[in-house]
Amino acid sequence: QKHLVESGGGVVQVGDSLRLACDASGLGFDNFNLGWFRQAPGKEREFVAAITWNGYLTKYGESVEGRFAVSKDNAKKISYLQMNSLNPEDPAVYYCATAISELLLRVRRGNYDSWGQGTQVTVSS
């Protein structure tokens, strides 16, 4: 059973940066793809970024492309989501989740199985 814990959320100002972490205890962190999603109040859970099991391929949602960067450290069993140039559209609860290891990075939440509890990101103007 994979156990994911997100951390690093907080309150920042517009234009600031923040780095989220997804800590994965249990076995086999290097055997699955990792995705990041976010959900704002009253909105659907939105795809943010994903990375393959080996860290070679990444994919981003349109609203974060060029500002966010996802990485995966299999030795430490941690994934990071570096968020730059945060804007008023970014506040949400951010989640990490796992998917089967494949070269196609999925954007639908239904393709992901284990989820963390989320970490809140707030952007003040």
C-alpha atoms as a PDB file:
ATOM      1  CA  GLN A   1       0.000   0.000   0.000  1.00  0.00           C
ATOM      2  CA  LYS A   2       1.564   3.241  -1.102  1.00  0.00           C
ATOM      3  CA  HIS A   3       1.371   6.101   1.373  1.00  0.00           C
ATOM      4  CA  LEU A   4       1.751   9.629   0.053  1.00  0.00           C
ATOM      5  CA  VAL A   5       2.166  12.770   2.145  1.00  0.00           C
ATOM      6  CA  GLU A   6       2.245  16.233   0.618  1.00  0.00           C
ATOM      7  CA  SER A   7       3.927  19.159   2.334  1.00  0.00           C
ATOM      8  CA  GLY A   8       5.224  22.634   1.604  1.00  0.00           C
ATOM      9  CA  GLY A   9       1.975  24.497   1.170  1.00  0.00           C
ATOM     10  CA  GLY A  10       1.453  27.906   2.677  1.00  0.00           C
ATOM     11  CA  VAL A  11       0.527  31.527   2.111  1.00  0.00           C
ATOM     12  CA  VAL A  12       2.548  33.472  -0.439  1.00  0.00           C
ATOM     13  CA  GLN A  13       2.131  36.641  -2.451  1.00  0.00           C
ATOM     14  CA  VAL A  14       1.502  37.007  -6.153  1.00  0.00           C
ATOM     15  CA  GLY A  15       4.736  36.422  -8.042  1.00  0.00           C
ATOM     16  CA  ASP A  16       6.324  34.354  -5.274  1.00  0.00           C
ATOM     17  CA  SER A  17       7.601  30.800  -5.529  1.00  0.00           C
ATOM     18  CA  LEU A  18       6.818  27.721  -3.486  1.00  0.00           C
ATOM     19  CA  ARG A  19       8.054  24.132  -3.562  1.00  0.00           C
ATOM     20  CA  LEU A  20       5.748  21.301  -2.657  1.00  0.00           C
ATOM     21  CA  ALA A  21       6.974  17.842  -1.744  1.00  0.00           C
ATOM     22  CA  CYS A  22       5.306  14.463  -2.037  1.00  0.00           C
ATOM     23  CA  ASP A  23       6.851  11.956   0.331  1.00  0.00           C
ATOM     24  CA  ALA A  24       6.160   8.333  -0.586  1.00  0.00           C
ATOM     25  CA  SER A  25       6.774   5.714   2.058  1.00  0.00           C
ATOM     26  CA  GLY A  26       6.447   2.049   1.223  1.00  0.00           C
ATOM     27  CA  LEU A  27       8.098   0.116  -1.541  1.00  0.00           C
ATOM     28  CA  GLY A  28       8.552   0.717  -5.217  1.00  0.00           C
ATOM     29  CA  PHE A  29       8.636   4.473  -5.561  1.00  0.00           C
ATOM     30  CA  ASP A  30      10.621   4.042  -8.770  1.00  0.00           C
ATOM     31  CA  ASN A  31       8.002   1.722 -10.237  1.00  0.00           C
ATOM     32  CA  PHE A  32       5.183   4.143 -10.892  1.00  0.00           C
ATOM     33  CA  ASN A  33       4.401   7.467 -12.507  1.00  0.00           C
ATOM     34  CA  LEU A  34       3.588  10.404 -10.269  1.00  0.00           C
ATOM     35  CA  GLY A  35       1.004  13.099 -10.866  1.00  0.00           C
ATOM     36  CA  TRP A  36       0.122  16.382  -9.237  1.00  0.00           C
ATOM     37  CA  PHE A  37      -3.421  17.729  -9.179  1.00  0.00           C
ATOM     38  CA  ARG A  38      -5.114  20.669  -7.510  1.00  0.00           C
ATOM     39  CA  GLN A  39      -8.628  21.501  -6.429  1.00  0.00           C
ATOM     40  CA  ALA A  40      -9.995  24.922  -5.627  1.00  0.00           C
ATOM     41  CA  PRO A  41     -13.293  25.384  -3.738  1.00  0.00           C
ATOM     42  CA  GLY A  42     -16.263  24.674  -5.986  1.00  0.00           C
ATOM     43  CA  LYS A  43     -14.109  23.450  -8.858  1.00  0.00           C
ATOM     44  CA  GLU A  44     -13.162  20.098 -10.316  1.00  0.00           C
ATOM     45  CA  ARG A  45      -9.835  18.525  -9.461  1.00  0.00           C
ATOM     46  CA  GLU A  46      -7.435  19.762 -12.119  1.00  0.00           C
ATOM     47  CA  PHE A  47      -4.358  18.135 -13.601  1.00  0.00           C
ATOM     48  CA  VAL A  48      -1.184  20.106 -12.855  1.00  0.00           C
ATOM     49  CA  ALA A  49       1.816  17.973 -13.750  1.00  0.00           C
ATOM     50  CA  ALA A  50       3.063  14.422 -14.110  1.00  0.00           C
ATOM     51  CA  ILE A  51       6.373  12.630 -14.369  1.00  0.00           C
ATOM     52  CA  THR A  52       7.318   9.127 -15.457  1.00  0.00           C
ATOM     53  CA  TRP A  53       8.709   6.518 -13.069  1.00  0.00           C
ATOM     54  CA  ASN A  54      12.243   7.185 -14.296  1.00  0.00           C
ATOM     55  CA  GLY A  55      11.940  10.976 -14.304  1.00  0.00           C
ATOM     56  CA  TYR A  56      12.666  11.230 -18.013  1.00  0.00           C
ATOM     57  CA  LEU A  57       9.316  12.586 -19.214  1.00  0.00           C
ATOM     58  CA  THR A  58       7.112  15.323 -17.806  1.00  0.00           C
ATOM     59  CA  LYS A  59       3.779  16.831 -18.748  1.00  0.00           C
ATOM     60  CA  TYR A  60       2.045  19.996 -17.543  1.00  0.00           C
ATOM     61  CA  GLY A  61      -1.386  21.500 -17.518  1.00  0.00           C
ATOM     62  CA  GLU A  62      -1.838  24.512 -19.770  1.00  0.00           C
ATOM     63  CA  SER A  63      -2.332  26.932 -16.898  1.00  0.00           C
ATOM     64  CA  VAL A  64       1.021  26.071 -15.286  1.00  0.00           C
ATOM     65  CA  GLU A  65       3.186  25.307 -18.316  1.00  0.00           C
ATOM     66  CA  GLY A  66       6.415  27.305 -18.095  1.00  0.00           C
ATOM     67  CA  ARG A  67       5.913  28.231 -14.432  1.00  0.00           C
ATOM     68  CA  PHE A  68       5.860  24.899 -12.619  1.00  0.00           C
ATOM     69  CA  ALA A  69       8.400  22.088 -12.701  1.00  0.00           C
ATOM     70  CA  VAL A  70       7.959  18.543 -11.426  1.00  0.00           C
ATOM     71  CA  SER A  71      10.814  16.287 -10.393  1.00  0.00           C
ATOM     72  CA  LYS A  72      11.222  12.876  -8.799  1.00  0.00           C
ATOM     73  CA  ASP A  73      14.022  11.618  -6.583  1.00  0.00           C
ATOM     74  CA  ASN A  74      13.657   7.848  -6.428  1.00  0.00           C
ATOM     75  CA  ALA A  75      16.484   7.418  -3.936  1.00  0.00           C
ATOM     76  CA  LYS A  76      14.749   9.720  -1.441  1.00  0.00           C
ATOM     77  CA  LYS A  77      11.248   8.614  -2.501  1.00  0.00           C
ATOM     78  CA  ILE A  78      10.185  12.242  -2.918  1.00  0.00           C
ATOM     79  CA  SER A  79       8.620  14.185  -5.750  1.00  0.00           C
ATOM     80  CA  TYR A  80       8.817  17.954  -5.880  1.00  0.00           C
ATOM     81  CA  LEU A  81       6.579  20.490  -7.537  1.00  0.00           C
ATOM     82  CA  GLN A  82       8.421  23.773  -7.950  1.00  0.00           C
ATOM     83  CA  MET A  83       5.895  26.547  -8.455  1.00  0.00           C
ATOM     84  CA  ASN A  84       7.101  29.918  -9.725  1.00  0.00           C
ATOM     85  CA  SER A  85       5.319  33.149 -10.569  1.00  0.00           C
ATOM     86  CA  LEU A  86       2.289  32.188  -8.529  1.00  0.00           C
ATOM     87  CA  ASN A  87      -0.850  34.071  -9.496  1.00  0.00           C
ATOM     88  CA  PRO A  88      -4.441  34.435  -8.185  1.00  0.00           C
ATOM     89  CA  GLU A  89      -5.519  31.406 -10.268  1.00  0.00           C
ATOM     90  CA  ASP A  90      -3.185  29.038  -8.408  1.00  0.00           C
ATOM     91  CA  PRO A  91      -4.683  28.820  -4.874  1.00  0.00           C
ATOM     92  CA  ALA A  92      -5.986  25.318  -4.212  1.00  0.00           C
ATOM     93  CA  VAL A  93      -5.355  22.139  -2.311  1.00  0.00           C
ATOM     94  CA  TYR A  94      -2.562  20.344  -4.137  1.00  0.00           C
ATOM     95  CA  TYR A  95      -2.447  16.545  -4.263  1.00  0.00           C
ATOM     96  CA  CYS A  96       0.035  13.991  -5.487  1.00  0.00           C
ATOM     97  CA  ALA A  97      -1.017  10.602  -6.770  1.00  0.00           C
ATOM     98  CA  THR A  98       0.455   7.499  -8.367  1.00  0.00           C
ATOM     99  CA  ALA A  99      -0.257   5.790 -11.666  1.00  0.00           C
ATOM    100  CA  ILE A 100       1.136   2.742 -13.440  1.00  0.00           C
ATOM    101  CA  SER A 101       4.562   3.160 -14.958  1.00  0.00           C
ATOM    102  CA  GLU A 102       4.236   3.856 -18.669  1.00  0.00           C
ATOM    103  CA  LEU A 103       5.552   6.328 -21.205  1.00  0.00           C
ATOM    104  CA  LEU A 104       2.125   7.938 -21.632  1.00  0.00           C
ATOM    105  CA  LEU A 105       1.507  10.492 -18.883  1.00  0.00           C
ATOM    106  CA  ARG A 106      -2.139  10.572 -17.872  1.00  0.00           C
ATOM    107  CA  VAL A 107      -4.097  13.743 -17.097  1.00  0.00           C
ATOM    108  CA  ARG A 108      -7.372  12.261 -15.824  1.00  0.00           C
ATOM    109  CA  ARG A 109      -7.712  11.673 -12.094  1.00  0.00           C
ATOM    110  CA  GLY A 110      -9.333   8.315 -12.789  1.00  0.00           C
ATOM    111  CA  ASN A 111      -5.995   7.003 -14.047  1.00  0.00           C
ATOM    112  CA  TYR A 112      -4.402   7.549 -10.663  1.00  0.00           C
ATOM    113  CA  ASP A 113      -4.895   5.244  -7.708  1.00  0.00           C
ATOM    114  CA  SER A 114      -3.190   6.223  -4.450  1.00  0.00           C
ATOM    115  CA  TRP A 115      -3.602   9.824  -3.310  1.00  0.00           C
ATOM    116  CA  GLY A 116      -2.153  11.966  -0.562  1.00  0.00           C
ATOM    117  CA  GLN A 117      -4.226  14.121   1.800  1.00  0.00           C
ATOM    118  CA  GLY A 118      -3.283  17.368   0.058  1.00  0.00           C
ATOM    119  CA  THR A 119      -1.545  20.586   1.040  1.00  0.00           C
ATOM    120  CA  GLN A 120      -3.120  24.049   0.871  1.00  0.00           C
ATOM    121  CA  VAL A 121      -1.596  26.802  -1.250  1.00  0.00           C
ATOM    122  CA  THR A 122      -2.889  30.340  -0.779  1.00  0.00           C
ATOM    123  CA  VAL A 123      -1.804  33.293  -2.900  1.00  0.00           C
ATOM    124  CA  SER A 124      -2.487  36.786  -1.604  1.00  0.00           C
ATOM    125  CA  SER A 125      -2.430  39.884  -3.785  1.00  0.00           C
END
